[in-house]
């Protein structure tokens, strides 16, 4: 059984993302922004263990050493990149998400 966990900074990022997306006009209603973020989180929790992933560039070492990343496409313009470290505990793999950003912010570093 695999488990996906978020460090506190990532959980806080998601909390702040809901009003940010609404305030910047990406969504017309706050509840639609909440739904978008919830679906992103659900997608990560469900699919991160099976997504193809690559070693994270050293630019992201501030968030953790020896990380990997995977992309989650949410629409034709936006891909969210999830940076994580994998740990093994008994027969379980734990994916610890340390950073998340989208292609509009970090594409030049990938």
PDB file of N, CA and C in Angstrom:
ATOM      1  N   UNK A   1       0.842  -1.200   0.000  1.00  0.00           N
ATOM      2  CA  UNK A   1       0.000   0.000   0.000  1.00  0.00           C
ATOM      3  C   UNK A   1       0.879   1.253   0.000  1.00  0.00           C
ATOM      4  N   UNK A   2       0.599   2.169  -0.872  1.00  0.00           N
ATOM      5  CA  UNK A   2       1.339   3.429  -0.948  1.00  0.00           C
ATOM      6  C   UNK A   2       0.586   4.518  -0.200  1.00  0.00           C
ATOM      7  N   UNK A   3       1.349   5.509   0.250  1.00  0.00           N
ATOM      8  CA  UNK A   3       0.748   6.625   0.972  1.00  0.00           C
ATOM      9  C   UNK A   3       1.366   7.924   0.476  1.00  0.00           C
ATOM     10  N   UNK A   4       0.530   8.938   0.254  1.00  0.00           N
ATOM     11  CA  UNK A   4       0.994  10.258  -0.172  1.00  0.00           C
ATOM     12  C   UNK A   4       0.716  11.231   0.966  1.00  0.00           C
ATOM     13  N   UNK A   5       1.767  11.943   1.390  1.00  0.00           N
ATOM     14  CA  UNK A   5       1.651  12.926   2.459  1.00  0.00           C
ATOM     15  C   UNK A   5       2.167  14.271   1.977  1.00  0.00           C
ATOM     16  N   UNK A   6       1.658  15.350   2.553  1.00  0.00           N
ATOM     17  CA  UNK A   6       2.094  16.701   2.224  1.00  0.00           C
ATOM     18  C   UNK A   6       2.757  17.325   3.447  1.00  0.00           C
ATOM     19  N   UNK A   7       3.912  17.975   3.243  1.00  0.00           N
ATOM     20  CA  UNK A   7       4.509  18.701   4.361  1.00  0.00           C
ATOM     21  C   UNK A   7       3.604  19.901   4.668  1.00  0.00           C
ATOM     22  N   UNK A   8       3.697  20.484   5.877  1.00  0.00           N
ATOM     23  CA  UNK A   8       2.811  21.592   6.253  1.00  0.00           C
ATOM     24  C   UNK A   8       2.839  22.769   5.276  1.00  0.00           C
ATOM     25  N   UNK A   9       3.995  23.088   4.713  1.00  0.00           N
ATOM     26  CA  UNK A   9       4.096  24.207   3.769  1.00  0.00           C
ATOM     27  C   UNK A   9       3.267  23.960   2.512  1.00  0.00           C
ATOM     28  N   UNK A  10       3.200  22.735   2.063  1.00  0.00           N
ATOM     29  CA  UNK A  10       2.399  22.406   0.880  1.00  0.00           C
ATOM     30  C   UNK A  10       0.912  22.472   1.218  1.00  0.00           C
ATOM     31  N   UNK A  11       0.544  21.974   2.391  1.00  0.00           N
ATOM     32  CA  UNK A  11      -0.866  22.080   2.808  1.00  0.00           C
ATOM     33  C   UNK A  11      -1.290  23.546   2.890  1.00  0.00           C
ATOM     34  N   UNK A  12      -0.416  24.397   3.430  1.00  0.00           N
ATOM     35  CA  UNK A  12      -0.705  25.829   3.528  1.00  0.00           C
ATOM     36  C   UNK A  12      -0.813  26.442   2.127  1.00  0.00           C
ATOM     37  N   UNK A  13       0.051  26.003   1.196  1.00  0.00           N
ATOM     38  CA  UNK A  13      -0.006  26.484  -0.187  1.00  0.00           C
ATOM     39  C   UNK A  13      -1.383  26.220  -0.786  1.00  0.00           C
ATOM     40  N   UNK A  14      -1.902  24.992  -0.586  1.00  0.00           N
ATOM     41  CA  UNK A  14      -3.226  24.656  -1.117  1.00  0.00           C
ATOM     42  C   UNK A  14      -4.304  25.546  -0.502  1.00  0.00           C
ATOM     43  N   UNK A  15      -4.213  25.802   0.808  1.00  0.00           N
ATOM     44  CA  UNK A  15      -5.189  26.680   1.469  1.00  0.00           C
ATOM     45  C   UNK A  15      -5.173  28.077   0.845  1.00  0.00           C
ATOM     46  N   UNK A  16      -3.987  28.587   0.582  1.00  0.00           N
ATOM     47  CA  UNK A  16      -3.852  29.926   0.004  1.00  0.00           C
ATOM     48  C   UNK A  16      -4.197  29.954  -1.486  1.00  0.00           C
ATOM     49  N   UNK A  17      -4.090  28.817  -2.145  1.00  0.00           N
ATOM     50  CA  UNK A  17      -4.342  28.742  -3.583  1.00  0.00           C
ATOM     51  C   UNK A  17      -5.813  29.004  -3.909  1.00  0.00           C
ATOM     52  N   UNK A  18      -6.708  28.534  -3.060  1.00  0.00           N
ATOM     53  CA  UNK A  18      -8.139  28.703  -3.325  1.00  0.00           C
ATOM     54  C   UNK A  18      -8.506  30.182  -3.481  1.00  0.00           C
ATOM     55  N   UNK A  19      -8.241  31.037  -2.482  1.00  0.00           N
ATOM     56  CA  UNK A  19      -8.598  32.452  -2.681  1.00  0.00           C
ATOM     57  C   UNK A  19      -7.751  33.138  -3.742  1.00  0.00           C
ATOM     58  N   UNK A  20      -6.510  32.721  -3.903  1.00  0.00           N
ATOM     59  CA  UNK A  20      -5.638  33.334  -4.902  1.00  0.00           C
ATOM     60  C   UNK A  20      -6.190  33.148  -6.312  1.00  0.00           C
ATOM     61  N   UNK A  21      -6.589  31.930  -6.642  1.00  0.00           N
ATOM     62  CA  UNK A  21      -7.143  31.659  -7.975  1.00  0.00           C
ATOM     63  C   UNK A  21      -8.418  32.466  -8.214  1.00  0.00           C
ATOM     64  N   UNK A  22      -9.225  32.608  -7.185  1.00  0.00           N
ATOM     65  CA  UNK A  22     -10.454  33.397  -7.291  1.00  0.00           C
ATOM     66  C   UNK A  22     -10.131  34.883  -7.452  1.00  0.00           C
ATOM     67  N   UNK A  23      -9.251  35.412  -6.585  1.00  0.00           N
ATOM     68  CA  UNK A  23      -8.915  36.838  -6.606  1.00  0.00           C
ATOM     69  C   UNK A  23      -8.234  37.254  -7.913  1.00  0.00           C
ATOM     70  N   UNK A  24      -7.436  36.365  -8.487  1.00  0.00           N
ATOM     71  CA  UNK A  24      -6.742  36.682  -9.740  1.00  0.00           C
ATOM     72  C   UNK A  24      -7.655  36.515 -10.953  1.00  0.00           C
ATOM     73  N   UNK A  25      -8.872  36.048 -10.721  1.00  0.00           N
ATOM     74  CA  UNK A  25      -9.845  35.956 -11.800  1.00  0.00           C
ATOM     75  C   UNK A  25      -9.780  34.688 -12.626  1.00  0.00           C
ATOM     76  N   UNK A  26      -9.055  33.677 -12.146  1.00  0.00           N
ATOM     77  CA  UNK A  26      -9.025  32.412 -12.885  1.00  0.00           C
ATOM     78  C   UNK A  26     -10.365  31.699 -12.796  1.00  0.00           C
ATOM     79  N   UNK A  27     -11.086  31.935 -11.693  1.00  0.00           N
ATOM     80  CA  UNK A  27     -12.419  31.367 -11.515  1.00  0.00           C
ATOM     81  C   UNK A  27     -13.364  32.475 -11.078  1.00  0.00           C
ATOM     82  N   UNK A  28     -14.599  32.426 -11.567  1.00  0.00           N
ATOM     83  CA  UNK A  28     -15.575  33.469 -11.266  1.00  0.00           C
ATOM     84  C   UNK A  28     -16.197  33.327  -9.883  1.00  0.00           C
ATOM     85  N   UNK A  29     -16.156  32.121  -9.335  1.00  0.00           N
ATOM     86  CA  UNK A  29     -16.766  31.858  -8.034  1.00  0.00           C
ATOM     87  C   UNK A  29     -15.780  31.132  -7.137  1.00  0.00           C
ATOM     88  N   UNK A  30     -15.832  31.464  -5.857  1.00  0.00           N
ATOM     89  CA  UNK A  30     -14.924  30.856  -4.884  1.00  0.00           C
ATOM     90  C   UNK A  30     -15.131  29.351  -4.794  1.00  0.00           C
ATOM     91  N   UNK A  31     -16.374  28.896  -4.888  1.00  0.00           N
ATOM     92  CA  UNK A  31     -16.624  27.458  -4.776  1.00  0.00           C
ATOM     93  C   UNK A  31     -16.040  26.682  -5.959  1.00  0.00           C
ATOM     94  N   UNK A  32     -15.951  27.301  -7.113  1.00  0.00           N
ATOM     95  CA  UNK A  32     -15.323  26.638  -8.272  1.00  0.00           C
ATOM     96  C   UNK A  32     -13.815  26.551  -8.058  1.00  0.00           C
ATOM     97  N   UNK A  33     -13.240  27.573  -7.475  1.00  0.00           N
ATOM     98  CA  UNK A  33     -11.816  27.550  -7.131  1.00  0.00           C
ATOM     99  C   UNK A  33     -11.540  26.447  -6.104  1.00  0.00           C
ATOM    100  N   UNK A  34     -12.408  26.327  -5.107  1.00  0.00           N
ATOM    101  CA  UNK A  34     -12.265  25.269  -4.098  1.00  0.00           C
ATOM    102  C   UNK A  34     -12.343  23.889  -4.742  1.00  0.00           C
ATOM    103  N   UNK A  35     -13.268  23.729  -5.677  1.00  0.00           N
ATOM    104  CA  UNK A  35     -13.424  22.439  -6.365  1.00  0.00           C
ATOM    105  C   UNK A  35     -12.174  22.102  -7.170  1.00  0.00           C
ATOM    106  N   UNK A  36     -11.617  23.086  -7.862  1.00  0.00           N
ATOM    107  CA  UNK A  36     -10.402  22.882  -8.664  1.00  0.00           C
ATOM    108  C   UNK A  36      -9.254  22.401  -7.781  1.00  0.00           C
ATOM    109  N   UNK A  37      -9.045  23.072  -6.646  1.00  0.00           N
ATOM    110  CA  UNK A  37      -7.946  22.710  -5.747  1.00  0.00           C
ATOM    111  C   UNK A  37      -8.201  21.333  -5.129  1.00  0.00           C
ATOM    112  N   UNK A  38      -9.440  21.046  -4.751  1.00  0.00           N
ATOM    113  CA  UNK A  38      -9.765  19.727  -4.192  1.00  0.00           C
ATOM    114  C   UNK A  38      -9.492  18.632  -5.213  1.00  0.00           C
ATOM    115  N   UNK A  39      -9.886  18.861  -6.462  1.00  0.00           N
ATOM    116  CA  UNK A  39      -9.635  17.861  -7.509  1.00  0.00           C
ATOM    117  C   UNK A  39      -8.143  17.677  -7.757  1.00  0.00           C
ATOM    118  N   UNK A  40      -7.361  18.752  -7.675  1.00  0.00           N
ATOM    119  CA  UNK A  40      -5.910  18.652  -7.826  1.00  0.00           C
ATOM    120  C   UNK A  40      -5.325  17.801  -6.701  1.00  0.00           C
ATOM    121  N   UNK A  41      -5.731  18.077  -5.474  1.00  0.00           N
ATOM    122  CA  UNK A  41      -5.242  17.301  -4.323  1.00  0.00           C
ATOM    123  C   UNK A  41      -5.637  15.837  -4.465  1.00  0.00           C
ATOM    124  N   UNK A  42      -6.885  15.577  -4.813  1.00  0.00           N
ATOM    125  CA  UNK A  42      -7.359  14.196  -4.985  1.00  0.00           C
ATOM    126  C   UNK A  42      -6.569  13.467  -6.072  1.00  0.00           C
ATOM    127  N   UNK A  43      -6.291  14.161  -7.169  1.00  0.00           N
ATOM    128  CA  UNK A  43      -5.512  13.578  -8.263  1.00  0.00           C
ATOM    129  C   UNK A  43      -4.110  13.198  -7.780  1.00  0.00           C
ATOM    130  N   UNK A  44      -3.487  14.076  -7.025  1.00  0.00           N
ATOM    131  CA  UNK A  44      -2.152  13.805  -6.492  1.00  0.00           C
ATOM    132  C   UNK A  44      -2.190  12.617  -5.535  1.00  0.00           C
ATOM    133  N   UNK A  45      -3.136  12.622  -4.611  1.00  0.00           N
ATOM    134  CA  UNK A  45      -3.237  11.530  -3.640  1.00  0.00           C
ATOM    135  C   UNK A  45      -3.454  10.178  -4.318  1.00  0.00           C
ATOM    136  N   UNK A  46      -4.267  10.168  -5.342  1.00  0.00           N
ATOM    137  CA  UNK A  46      -4.603   8.919  -6.022  1.00  0.00           C
ATOM    138  C   UNK A  46      -3.524   8.464  -7.008  1.00  0.00           C
ATOM    139  N   UNK A  47      -2.940   9.408  -7.748  1.00  0.00           N
ATOM    140  CA  UNK A  47      -2.126   9.024  -8.895  1.00  0.00           C
ATOM    141  C   UNK A  47      -0.619   9.247  -8.779  1.00  0.00           C
ATOM    142  N   UNK A  48      -0.161   9.963  -7.763  1.00  0.00           N
ATOM    143  CA  UNK A  48       1.285  10.199  -7.678  1.00  0.00           C
ATOM    144  C   UNK A  48       2.090   8.902  -7.695  1.00  0.00           C
ATOM    145  N   UNK A  49       1.697   7.864  -6.957  1.00  0.00           N
ATOM    146  CA  UNK A  49       2.493   6.638  -6.972  1.00  0.00           C
ATOM    147  C   UNK A  49       2.601   5.960  -8.344  1.00  0.00           C
ATOM    148  N   UNK A  50       1.654   6.212  -9.230  1.00  0.00           N
ATOM    149  CA  UNK A  50       1.686   5.532 -10.532  1.00  0.00           C
ATOM    150  C   UNK A  50       2.128   6.447 -11.669  1.00  0.00           C
ATOM    151  N   UNK A  51       2.306   7.718 -11.375  1.00  0.00           N
ATOM    152  CA  UNK A  51       2.747   8.670 -12.407  1.00  0.00           C
ATOM    153  C   UNK A  51       4.207   8.435 -12.757  1.00  0.00           C
ATOM    154  N   UNK A  52       4.527   8.694 -14.022  1.00  0.00           N
ATOM    155  CA  UNK A  52       5.926   8.679 -14.427  1.00  0.00           C
ATOM    156  C   UNK A  52       6.598   9.874 -13.748  1.00  0.00           C
ATOM    157  N   UNK A  53       7.788   9.638 -13.184  1.00  0.00           N
ATOM    158  CA  UNK A  53       8.485  10.735 -12.522  1.00  0.00           C
ATOM    159  C   UNK A  53       9.944  10.770 -12.918  1.00  0.00           C
ATOM    160  N   UNK A  54      10.520  11.955 -12.729  1.00  0.00           N
ATOM    161  CA  UNK A  54      11.912  12.208 -13.113  1.00  0.00           C
ATOM    162  C   UNK A  54      12.653  12.812 -11.934  1.00  0.00           C
ATOM    163  N   UNK A  55      13.986  12.713 -11.950  1.00  0.00           N
ATOM    164  CA  UNK A  55      14.763  13.396 -10.909  1.00  0.00           C
ATOM    165  C   UNK A  55      14.568  14.908 -11.015  1.00  0.00           C
ATOM    166  N   UNK A  56      14.400  15.549  -9.871  1.00  0.00           N
ATOM    167  CA  UNK A  56      14.206  17.000  -9.854  1.00  0.00           C
ATOM    168  C   UNK A  56      15.525  17.710 -10.128  1.00  0.00           C
ATOM    169  N   UNK A  57      15.502  18.772 -10.924  1.00  0.00           N
ATOM    170  CA  UNK A  57      16.714  19.559 -11.155  1.00  0.00           C
ATOM    171  C   UNK A  57      17.232  20.145  -9.832  1.00  0.00           C
ATOM    172  N   UNK A  58      18.520  20.392  -9.775  1.00  0.00           N
ATOM    173  CA  UNK A  58      19.137  20.898  -8.543  1.00  0.00           C
ATOM    174  C   UNK A  58      18.574  22.246  -8.123  1.00  0.00           C
ATOM    175  N   UNK A  59      17.961  22.977  -9.040  1.00  0.00           N
ATOM    176  CA  UNK A  59      17.333  24.251  -8.694  1.00  0.00           C
ATOM    177  C   UNK A  59      16.352  24.088  -7.522  1.00  0.00           C
ATOM    178  N   UNK A  60      15.752  22.927  -7.389  1.00  0.00           N
ATOM    179  CA  UNK A  60      14.720  22.687  -6.381  1.00  0.00           C
ATOM    180  C   UNK A  60      15.269  22.074  -5.097  1.00  0.00           C
ATOM    181  N   UNK A  61      16.591  21.973  -4.967  1.00  0.00           N
ATOM    182  CA  UNK A  61      17.202  21.388  -3.768  1.00  0.00           C
ATOM    183  C   UNK A  61      16.865  22.148  -2.484  1.00  0.00           C
ATOM    184  N   UNK A  62      16.433  23.385  -2.607  1.00  0.00           N
ATOM    185  CA  UNK A  62      16.036  24.157  -1.417  1.00  0.00           C
ATOM    186  C   UNK A  62      14.864  23.481  -0.706  1.00  0.00           C
ATOM    187  N   UNK A  63      14.076  22.719  -1.439  1.00  0.00           N
ATOM    188  CA  UNK A  63      12.894  22.075  -0.875  1.00  0.00           C
ATOM    189  C   UNK A  63      13.178  20.650  -0.409  1.00  0.00           C
ATOM    190  N   UNK A  64      14.324  20.123  -0.764  1.00  0.00           N
ATOM    191  CA  UNK A  64      14.699  18.772  -0.360  1.00  0.00           C
ATOM    192  C   UNK A  64      15.712  18.197  -1.329  1.00  0.00           C
ATOM    193  N   UNK A  65      16.568  17.364  -0.825  1.00  0.00           N
ATOM    194  CA  UNK A  65      17.605  16.726  -1.654  1.00  0.00           C
ATOM    195  C   UNK A  65      17.055  15.439  -2.274  1.00  0.00           C
ATOM    196  N   UNK A  66      17.594  15.096  -3.425  1.00  0.00           N
ATOM    197  CA  UNK A  66      17.261  13.839  -4.117  1.00  0.00           C
ATOM    198  C   UNK A  66      15.760  13.673  -4.348  1.00  0.00           C
ATOM    199  N   UNK A  67      15.112  14.746  -4.719  1.00  0.00           N
ATOM    200  CA  UNK A  67      13.669  14.671  -4.998  1.00  0.00           C
ATOM    201  C   UNK A  67      13.427  14.211  -6.428  1.00  0.00           C
ATOM    202  N   UNK A  68      12.195  13.840  -6.646  1.00  0.00           N
ATOM    203  CA  UNK A  68      11.701  13.536  -7.978  1.00  0.00           C
ATOM    204  C   UNK A  68      10.484  14.434  -8.205  1.00  0.00           C
ATOM    205  N   UNK A  69      10.028  14.472  -9.452  1.00  0.00           N
ATOM    206  CA  UNK A  69       8.816  15.247  -9.723  1.00  0.00           C
ATOM    207  C   UNK A  69       7.969  14.552 -10.767  1.00  0.00           C
ATOM    208  N   UNK A  70       6.678  14.882 -10.726  1.00  0.00           N
ATOM    209  CA  UNK A  70       5.712  14.355 -11.692  1.00  0.00           C
ATOM    210  C   UNK A  70       4.774  15.491 -12.066  1.00  0.00           C
ATOM    211  N   UNK A  71       4.240  15.436 -13.283  1.00  0.00           N
ATOM    212  CA  UNK A  71       3.334  16.470 -13.767  1.00  0.00           C
ATOM    213  C   UNK A  71       1.885  16.028 -13.746  1.00  0.00           C
ATOM    214  N   UNK A  72       1.006  16.965 -13.427  1.00  0.00           N
ATOM    215  CA  UNK A  72      -0.435  16.735 -13.414  1.00  0.00           C
ATOM    216  C   UNK A  72      -1.093  17.802 -14.282  1.00  0.00           C
ATOM    217  N   UNK A  73      -1.542  17.390 -15.445  1.00  0.00           N
ATOM    218  CA  UNK A  73      -2.149  18.331 -16.394  1.00  0.00           C
ATOM    219  C   UNK A  73      -3.603  18.573 -15.986  1.00  0.00           C
ATOM    220  N   UNK A  74      -3.937  19.849 -15.747  1.00  0.00           N
ATOM    221  CA  UNK A  74      -5.291  20.185 -15.309  1.00  0.00           C
ATOM    222  C   UNK A  74      -6.132  20.778 -16.441  1.00  0.00           C
ATOM    223  N   UNK A  75      -5.499  21.386 -17.413  1.00  0.00           N
ATOM    224  CA  UNK A  75      -6.208  21.881 -18.593  1.00  0.00           C
ATOM    225  C   UNK A  75      -5.178  22.088 -19.696  1.00  0.00           C
ATOM    226  N   UNK A  76      -5.595  22.645 -20.821  1.00  0.00           N
ATOM    227  CA  UNK A  76      -4.667  22.745 -21.951  1.00  0.00           C
ATOM    228  C   UNK A  76      -3.508  23.698 -21.689  1.00  0.00           C
ATOM    229  N   UNK A  77      -3.630  24.571 -20.700  1.00  0.00           N
ATOM    230  CA  UNK A  77      -2.570  25.549 -20.424  1.00  0.00           C
ATOM    231  C   UNK A  77      -1.761  25.288 -19.160  1.00  0.00           C
ATOM    232  N   UNK A  78      -2.275  24.478 -18.260  1.00  0.00           N
ATOM    233  CA  UNK A  78      -1.646  24.361 -16.942  1.00  0.00           C
ATOM    234  C   UNK A  78      -1.280  22.934 -16.579  1.00  0.00           C
ATOM    235  N   UNK A  79      -0.022  22.766 -16.209  1.00  0.00           N
ATOM    236  CA  UNK A  79       0.479  21.516 -15.648  1.00  0.00           C
ATOM    237  C   UNK A  79       1.031  21.845 -14.269  1.00  0.00           C
ATOM    238  N   UNK A  80       0.579  21.103 -13.274  1.00  0.00           N
ATOM    239  CA  UNK A  80       1.109  21.249 -11.923  1.00  0.00           C
ATOM    240  C   UNK A  80       2.231  20.240 -11.740  1.00  0.00           C
ATOM    241  N   UNK A  81       3.364  20.710 -11.214  1.00  0.00           N
ATOM    242  CA  UNK A  81       4.507  19.842 -10.959  1.00  0.00           C
ATOM    243  C   UNK A  81       4.623  19.609  -9.466  1.00  0.00           C
ATOM    244  N   UNK A  82       4.661  18.341  -9.098  1.00  0.00           N
ATOM    245  CA  UNK A  82       4.701  17.922  -7.702  1.00  0.00           C
ATOM    246  C   UNK A  82       6.100  17.344  -7.437  1.00  0.00           C
ATOM    247  N   UNK A  83       6.778  17.922  -6.466  1.00  0.00           N
ATOM    248  CA  UNK A  83       8.130  17.504  -6.100  1.00  0.00           C
ATOM    249  C   UNK A  83       8.068  16.732  -4.793  1.00  0.00           C
ATOM    250  N   UNK A  84       8.703  15.572  -4.770  1.00  0.00           N
ATOM    251  CA  UNK A  84       8.524  14.689  -3.622  1.00  0.00           C
ATOM    252  C   UNK A  84       9.758  13.830  -3.367  1.00  0.00           C
ATOM    253  N   UNK A  85       9.791  13.283  -2.186  1.00  0.00           N
ATOM    254  CA  UNK A  85      10.801  12.309  -1.786  1.00  0.00           C
ATOM    255  C   UNK A  85      10.059  11.023  -1.456  1.00  0.00           C
ATOM    256  N   UNK A  86      10.648   9.898  -1.828  1.00  0.00           N
ATOM    257  CA  UNK A  86      10.019   8.607  -1.560  1.00  0.00           C
ATOM    258  C   UNK A  86      10.789   7.888  -0.457  1.00  0.00           C
ATOM    259  N   UNK A  87      10.033   7.336   0.491  1.00  0.00           N
ATOM    260  CA  UNK A  87      10.602   6.562   1.593  1.00  0.00           C
ATOM    261  C   UNK A  87       9.939   5.197   1.611  1.00  0.00           C
ATOM    262  N   UNK A  88      10.681   4.218   2.081  1.00  0.00           N
ATOM    263  CA  UNK A  88      10.098   2.889   2.262  1.00  0.00           C
ATOM    264  C   UNK A  88       9.967   2.624   3.754  1.00  0.00           C
ATOM    265  N   UNK A  89       8.798   2.148   4.141  1.00  0.00           N
ATOM    266  CA  UNK A  89       8.536   1.769   5.525  1.00  0.00           C
ATOM    267  C   UNK A  89       7.878   0.406   5.495  1.00  0.00           C
ATOM    268  N   UNK A  90       8.619  -0.607   5.941  1.00  0.00           N
ATOM    269  CA  UNK A  90       8.188  -1.997   5.814  1.00  0.00           C
ATOM    270  C   UNK A  90       7.926  -2.285   4.338  1.00  0.00           C
ATOM    271  N   UNK A  91       6.728  -2.668   3.971  1.00  0.00           N
ATOM    272  CA  UNK A  91       6.449  -2.949   2.555  1.00  0.00           C
ATOM    273  C   UNK A  91       5.713  -1.784   1.888  1.00  0.00           C
ATOM    274  N   UNK A  92       5.612  -0.660   2.595  1.00  0.00           N
ATOM    275  CA  UNK A  92       4.851   0.487   2.099  1.00  0.00           C
ATOM    276  C   UNK A  92       5.802   1.567   1.588  1.00  0.00           C
ATOM    277  N   UNK A  93       5.402   2.197   0.474  1.00  0.00           N
ATOM    278  CA  UNK A  93       6.138   3.360  -0.025  1.00  0.00           C
ATOM    279  C   UNK A  93       5.388   4.617   0.388  1.00  0.00           C
ATOM    280  N   UNK A  94       6.136   5.586   0.913  1.00  0.00           N
ATOM    281  CA  UNK A  94       5.555   6.853   1.330  1.00  0.00           C
ATOM    282  C   UNK A  94       6.105   7.939   0.413  1.00  0.00           C
ATOM    283  N   UNK A  95       5.200   8.696  -0.183  1.00  0.00           N
ATOM    284  CA  UNK A  95       5.555   9.804  -1.067  1.00  0.00           C
ATOM    285  C   UNK A  95       5.315  11.096  -0.280  1.00  0.00           C
ATOM    286  N   UNK A  96       6.390  11.780   0.055  1.00  0.00           N
ATOM    287  CA  UNK A  96       6.294  13.008   0.831  1.00  0.00           C
ATOM    288  C   UNK A  96       6.422  14.194  -0.114  1.00  0.00           C
ATOM    289  N   UNK A  97       5.315  14.891  -0.337  1.00  0.00           N
ATOM    290  CA  UNK A  97       5.285  16.031  -1.242  1.00  0.00           C
ATOM    291  C   UNK A  97       5.876  17.235  -0.519  1.00  0.00           C
ATOM    292  N   UNK A  98       6.952  17.803  -1.120  1.00  0.00           N
ATOM    293  CA  UNK A  98       7.693  18.891  -0.495  1.00  0.00           C
ATOM    294  C   UNK A  98       7.478  20.247  -1.171  1.00  0.00           C
ATOM    295  N   UNK A  99       6.988  20.224  -2.420  1.00  0.00           N
ATOM    296  CA  UNK A  99       6.824  21.476  -3.156  1.00  0.00           C
ATOM    297  C   UNK A  99       5.881  21.221  -4.324  1.00  0.00           C
ATOM    298  N   UNK A 100       5.116  22.252  -4.671  1.00  0.00           N
ATOM    299  CA  UNK A 100       4.237  22.170  -5.836  1.00  0.00           C
ATOM    300  C   UNK A 100       4.200  23.541  -6.497  1.00  0.00           C
ATOM    301  N   UNK A 101       4.206  23.542  -7.817  1.00  0.00           N
ATOM    302  CA  UNK A 101       4.087  24.789  -8.589  1.00  0.00           C
ATOM    303  C   UNK A 101       3.620  24.397  -9.988  1.00  0.00           C
ATOM    304  N   UNK A 102       3.187  25.385 -10.745  1.00  0.00           N
ATOM    305  CA  UNK A 102       2.732  25.072 -12.099  1.00  0.00           C
ATOM    306  C   UNK A 102       3.714  25.551 -13.157  1.00  0.00           C
ATOM    307  N   UNK A 103       3.447  25.164 -14.388  1.00  0.00           N
ATOM    308  CA  UNK A 103       4.342  25.474 -15.493  1.00  0.00           C
ATOM    309  C   UNK A 103       4.481  26.982 -15.726  1.00  0.00           C
ATOM    310  N   UNK A 104       3.484  27.763 -15.324  1.00  0.00           N
ATOM    311  CA  UNK A 104       3.565  29.211 -15.519  1.00  0.00           C
ATOM    312  C   UNK A 104       4.635  29.837 -14.622  1.00  0.00           C
ATOM    313  N   UNK A 105       4.993  29.141 -13.540  1.00  0.00           N
ATOM    314  CA  UNK A 105       5.942  29.667 -12.559  1.00  0.00           C
ATOM    315  C   UNK A 105       7.338  29.048 -12.720  1.00  0.00           C
ATOM    316  N   UNK A 106       7.406  27.752 -13.007  1.00  0.00           N
ATOM    317  CA  UNK A 106       8.716  27.064 -12.946  1.00  0.00           C
ATOM    318  C   UNK A 106       9.159  26.385 -14.228  1.00  0.00           C
ATOM    319  N   UNK A 107       8.462  26.555 -15.318  1.00  0.00           N
ATOM    320  CA  UNK A 107       8.813  25.842 -16.559  1.00  0.00           C
ATOM    321  C   UNK A 107      10.269  26.068 -16.972  1.00  0.00           C
ATOM    322  N   UNK A 108      10.786  27.255 -16.757  1.00  0.00           N
ATOM    323  CA  UNK A 108      12.163  27.554 -17.190  1.00  0.00           C
ATOM    324  C   UNK A 108      13.210  26.760 -16.416  1.00  0.00           C
ATOM    325  N   UNK A 109      12.831  26.163 -15.275  1.00  0.00           N
ATOM    326  CA  UNK A 109      13.793  25.404 -14.467  1.00  0.00           C
ATOM    327  C   UNK A 109      13.749  23.910 -14.741  1.00  0.00           C
ATOM    328  N   UNK A 110      12.785  23.475 -15.543  1.00  0.00           N
ATOM    329  CA  UNK A 110      12.646  22.034 -15.780  1.00  0.00           C
ATOM    330  C   UNK A 110      13.342  21.629 -17.031  1.00  0.00           C
TER     331      UNK A 110
END
